[in-house]
Amino acid sequence: MTTAPRPTTMTGATMTTTRYALAALVVALALVGLFAFLKDDDRPVDPTGPQARAAIEAARAIVPGELVDVSRDVDDAYKWEVTLRAFGNDYEVELEPRTLALLRIDYD
């Protein structure tokens, strides 16, 4: 006597569990995408390098102050971002990568 395998059917509980697992996967993927979108795109630069020194001096011509940090924005054509502390505030001076022309100033 041979027996045929039982037909498999998904029960309501199994279908609900599968839906929850799928929903959790979608949420996890959305969070990973959001993190990738919001992650910091600035890369620190050695302030003693010749290009960095030129960017720092260009920024100081706009906002005289003490250097906090200097970085390059990899998502925006490698523009320079020089943060200077002056008058009790931090100023982020954004400079065009080749000409060091002022693009924008942000301050806290």
C-alpha atoms as a PDB file:
ATOM      1  CA  MET A   1       0.000   0.000   0.000  1.00  0.00           C
ATOM      2  CA  THR A   2       1.398   3.356  -0.965  1.00  0.00           C
ATOM      3  CA  THR A   3       0.302   6.507   0.628  1.00  0.00           C
ATOM      4  CA  ALA A   4       0.162   9.780  -1.153  1.00  0.00           C
ATOM      5  CA  PRO A   5       1.637  12.783   0.579  1.00  0.00           C
ATOM      6  CA  ARG A   6      -0.850  14.950   2.329  1.00  0.00           C
ATOM      7  CA  PRO A   7      -1.791  18.081   0.494  1.00  0.00           C
ATOM      8  CA  THR A   8      -0.419  21.098   2.312  1.00  0.00           C
ATOM      9  CA  THR A   9      -2.546  24.090   2.916  1.00  0.00           C
ATOM     10  CA  MET A  10      -1.753  27.245   4.761  1.00  0.00           C
ATOM     11  CA  THR A  11      -3.885  27.801   7.783  1.00  0.00           C
ATOM     12  CA  GLY A  12      -5.082  31.209   8.841  1.00  0.00           C
ATOM     13  CA  ALA A  13      -2.443  31.389  11.559  1.00  0.00           C
ATOM     14  CA  THR A  14       0.347  30.516   9.121  1.00  0.00           C
ATOM     15  CA  MET A  15      -0.849  33.136   6.635  1.00  0.00           C
ATOM     16  CA  THR A  16      -0.970  35.794   9.373  1.00  0.00           C
ATOM     17  CA  THR A  17       2.549  34.930  10.539  1.00  0.00           C
ATOM     18  CA  THR A  18       3.803  35.086   6.954  1.00  0.00           C
ATOM     19  CA  ARG A  19       2.192  38.509   6.467  1.00  0.00           C
ATOM     20  CA  TYR A  20       3.790  39.818   9.670  1.00  0.00           C
ATOM     21  CA  ALA A  21       7.183  38.511   8.609  1.00  0.00           C
ATOM     22  CA  LEU A  22       6.801  40.119   5.192  1.00  0.00           C
ATOM     23  CA  ALA A  23       5.692  43.422   6.748  1.00  0.00           C
ATOM     24  CA  ALA A  24       8.678  43.343   9.120  1.00  0.00           C
ATOM     25  CA  LEU A  25      11.012  42.758   6.174  1.00  0.00           C
ATOM     26  CA  VAL A  26       9.526  45.703   4.270  1.00  0.00           C
ATOM     27  CA  VAL A  27       9.885  47.972   7.313  1.00  0.00           C
ATOM     28  CA  ALA A  28      13.497  46.845   7.847  1.00  0.00           C
ATOM     29  CA  LEU A  29      14.363  47.557   4.212  1.00  0.00           C
ATOM     30  CA  ALA A  30      12.717  50.980   4.439  1.00  0.00           C
ATOM     31  CA  LEU A  31      14.758  51.809   7.552  1.00  0.00           C
ATOM     32  CA  VAL A  32      17.985  50.728   5.871  1.00  0.00           C
ATOM     33  CA  GLY A  33      17.150  52.944   2.891  1.00  0.00           C
ATOM     34  CA  LEU A  34      16.332  55.871   5.160  1.00  0.00           C
ATOM     35  CA  PHE A  35      19.588  55.432   7.074  1.00  0.00           C
ATOM     36  CA  ALA A  36      21.552  55.366   3.821  1.00  0.00           C
ATOM     37  CA  PHE A  37      19.779  58.558   2.720  1.00  0.00           C
ATOM     38  CA  LEU A  38      20.363  60.419   5.988  1.00  0.00           C
ATOM     39  CA  LYS A  39      23.883  59.271   6.793  1.00  0.00           C
ATOM     40  CA  ASP A  40      26.569  61.872   7.064  1.00  0.00           C
ATOM     41  CA  ASP A  41      28.198  62.417   3.703  1.00  0.00           C
ATOM     42  CA  ASP A  42      31.077  64.578   4.976  1.00  0.00           C
ATOM     43  CA  ARG A  43      34.586  63.137   4.968  1.00  0.00           C
ATOM     44  CA  PRO A  44      37.138  64.690   7.355  1.00  0.00           C
ATOM     45  CA  VAL A  45      40.240  66.154   5.742  1.00  0.00           C
ATOM     46  CA  ASP A  46      43.699  66.701   7.219  1.00  0.00           C
ATOM     47  CA  PRO A  47      43.781  70.469   7.834  1.00  0.00           C
ATOM     48  CA  THR A  48      47.547  70.617   7.226  1.00  0.00           C
ATOM     49  CA  GLY A  49      47.286  69.619   3.543  1.00  0.00           C
ATOM     50  CA  PRO A  50      47.847  72.369   0.978  1.00  0.00           C
ATOM     51  CA  GLN A  51      44.316  72.236  -0.486  1.00  0.00           C
ATOM     52  CA  ALA A  52      42.753  72.182   2.970  1.00  0.00           C
ATOM     53  CA  ARG A  53      44.880  75.145   4.087  1.00  0.00           C
ATOM     54  CA  ALA A  54      43.725  77.102   1.040  1.00  0.00           C
ATOM     55  CA  ALA A  55      40.072  76.259   1.810  1.00  0.00           C
ATOM     56  CA  ILE A  56      40.541  77.270   5.463  1.00  0.00           C
ATOM     57  CA  GLU A  57      42.075  80.603   4.477  1.00  0.00           C
ATOM     58  CA  ALA A  58      39.250  81.258   1.989  1.00  0.00           C
ATOM     59  CA  ALA A  59      36.695  80.502   4.705  1.00  0.00           C
ATOM     60  CA  ARG A  60      38.509  82.742   7.213  1.00  0.00           C
ATOM     61  CA  ALA A  61      38.380  85.595   4.707  1.00  0.00           C
ATOM     62  CA  ILE A  62      34.587  85.307   4.994  1.00  0.00           C
ATOM     63  CA  VAL A  63      34.254  84.465   8.719  1.00  0.00           C
ATOM     64  CA  PRO A  64      37.347  85.077  10.825  1.00  0.00           C
ATOM     65  CA  GLY A  65      37.467  82.444  13.521  1.00  0.00           C
ATOM     66  CA  GLU A  66      39.057  79.414  15.120  1.00  0.00           C
ATOM     67  CA  LEU A  67      39.091  76.216  13.046  1.00  0.00           C
ATOM     68  CA  VAL A  68      36.740  73.506  14.333  1.00  0.00           C
ATOM     69  CA  ASP A  69      37.027  71.105  11.398  1.00  0.00           C
ATOM     70  CA  VAL A  70      37.365  70.830   7.649  1.00  0.00           C
ATOM     71  CA  SER A  71      35.732  68.212   5.443  1.00  0.00           C
ATOM     72  CA  ARG A  72      34.664  67.391   1.894  1.00  0.00           C
ATOM     73  CA  ASP A  73      31.047  66.651   1.004  1.00  0.00           C
ATOM     74  CA  VAL A  74      31.170  63.508  -1.136  1.00  0.00           C
ATOM     75  CA  ASP A  75      27.537  63.787  -2.236  1.00  0.00           C
ATOM     76  CA  ASP A  76      27.866  67.340  -3.492  1.00  0.00           C
ATOM     77  CA  ALA A  77      30.805  67.466  -5.924  1.00  0.00           C
ATOM     78  CA  TYR A  78      33.329  67.287  -3.055  1.00  0.00           C
ATOM     79  CA  LYS A  79      32.643  70.863  -1.977  1.00  0.00           C
ATOM     80  CA  TRP A  80      34.651  72.107   0.980  1.00  0.00           C
ATOM     81  CA  GLU A  81      32.942  72.495   4.345  1.00  0.00           C
ATOM     82  CA  VAL A  82      35.012  74.503   6.816  1.00  0.00           C
ATOM     83  CA  THR A  83      33.597  74.955  10.312  1.00  0.00           C
ATOM     84  CA  LEU A  84      34.891  77.992  12.201  1.00  0.00           C
ATOM     85  CA  ARG A  85      34.039  79.189  15.721  1.00  0.00           C
ATOM     86  CA  ALA A  86      33.554  82.944  16.005  1.00  0.00           C
ATOM     87  CA  PHE A  87      31.503  85.245  18.217  1.00  0.00           C
ATOM     88  CA  GLY A  88      30.289  82.278  20.291  1.00  0.00           C
ATOM     89  CA  ASN A  89      28.804  80.456  17.282  1.00  0.00           C
ATOM     90  CA  ASP A  90      29.934  77.746  14.889  1.00  0.00           C
ATOM     91  CA  TYR A  91      29.816  78.734  11.221  1.00  0.00           C
ATOM     92  CA  GLU A  92      29.963  76.147   8.454  1.00  0.00           C
ATOM     93  CA  VAL A  93      31.363  77.832   5.364  1.00  0.00           C
ATOM     94  CA  GLU A  94      30.676  75.842   2.200  1.00  0.00           C
ATOM     95  CA  LEU A  95      33.065  76.499  -0.675  1.00  0.00           C
ATOM     96  CA  GLU A  96      33.093  75.507  -4.326  1.00  0.00           C
ATOM     97  CA  PRO A  97      35.653  72.691  -4.753  1.00  0.00           C
ATOM     98  CA  ARG A  98      37.873  74.237  -7.443  1.00  0.00           C
ATOM     99  CA  THR A  99      37.627  78.018  -7.069  1.00  0.00           C
ATOM    100  CA  LEU A 100      36.859  78.124  -3.320  1.00  0.00           C
ATOM    101  CA  ALA A 101      34.059  80.587  -4.039  1.00  0.00           C
ATOM    102  CA  LEU A 102      31.457  80.925  -1.301  1.00  0.00           C
ATOM    103  CA  LEU A 103      28.425  78.675  -1.777  1.00  0.00           C
ATOM    104  CA  ARG A 104      26.665  79.042   1.560  1.00  0.00           C
ATOM    105  CA  ILE A 105      27.124  79.773   5.261  1.00  0.00           C
ATOM    106  CA  ASP A 106      25.277  77.824   7.963  1.00  0.00           C
ATOM    107  CA  TYR A 107      25.507  78.708  11.625  1.00  0.00           C
ATOM    108  CA  ASP A 108      24.299  77.325  14.937  1.00  0.00           C
END
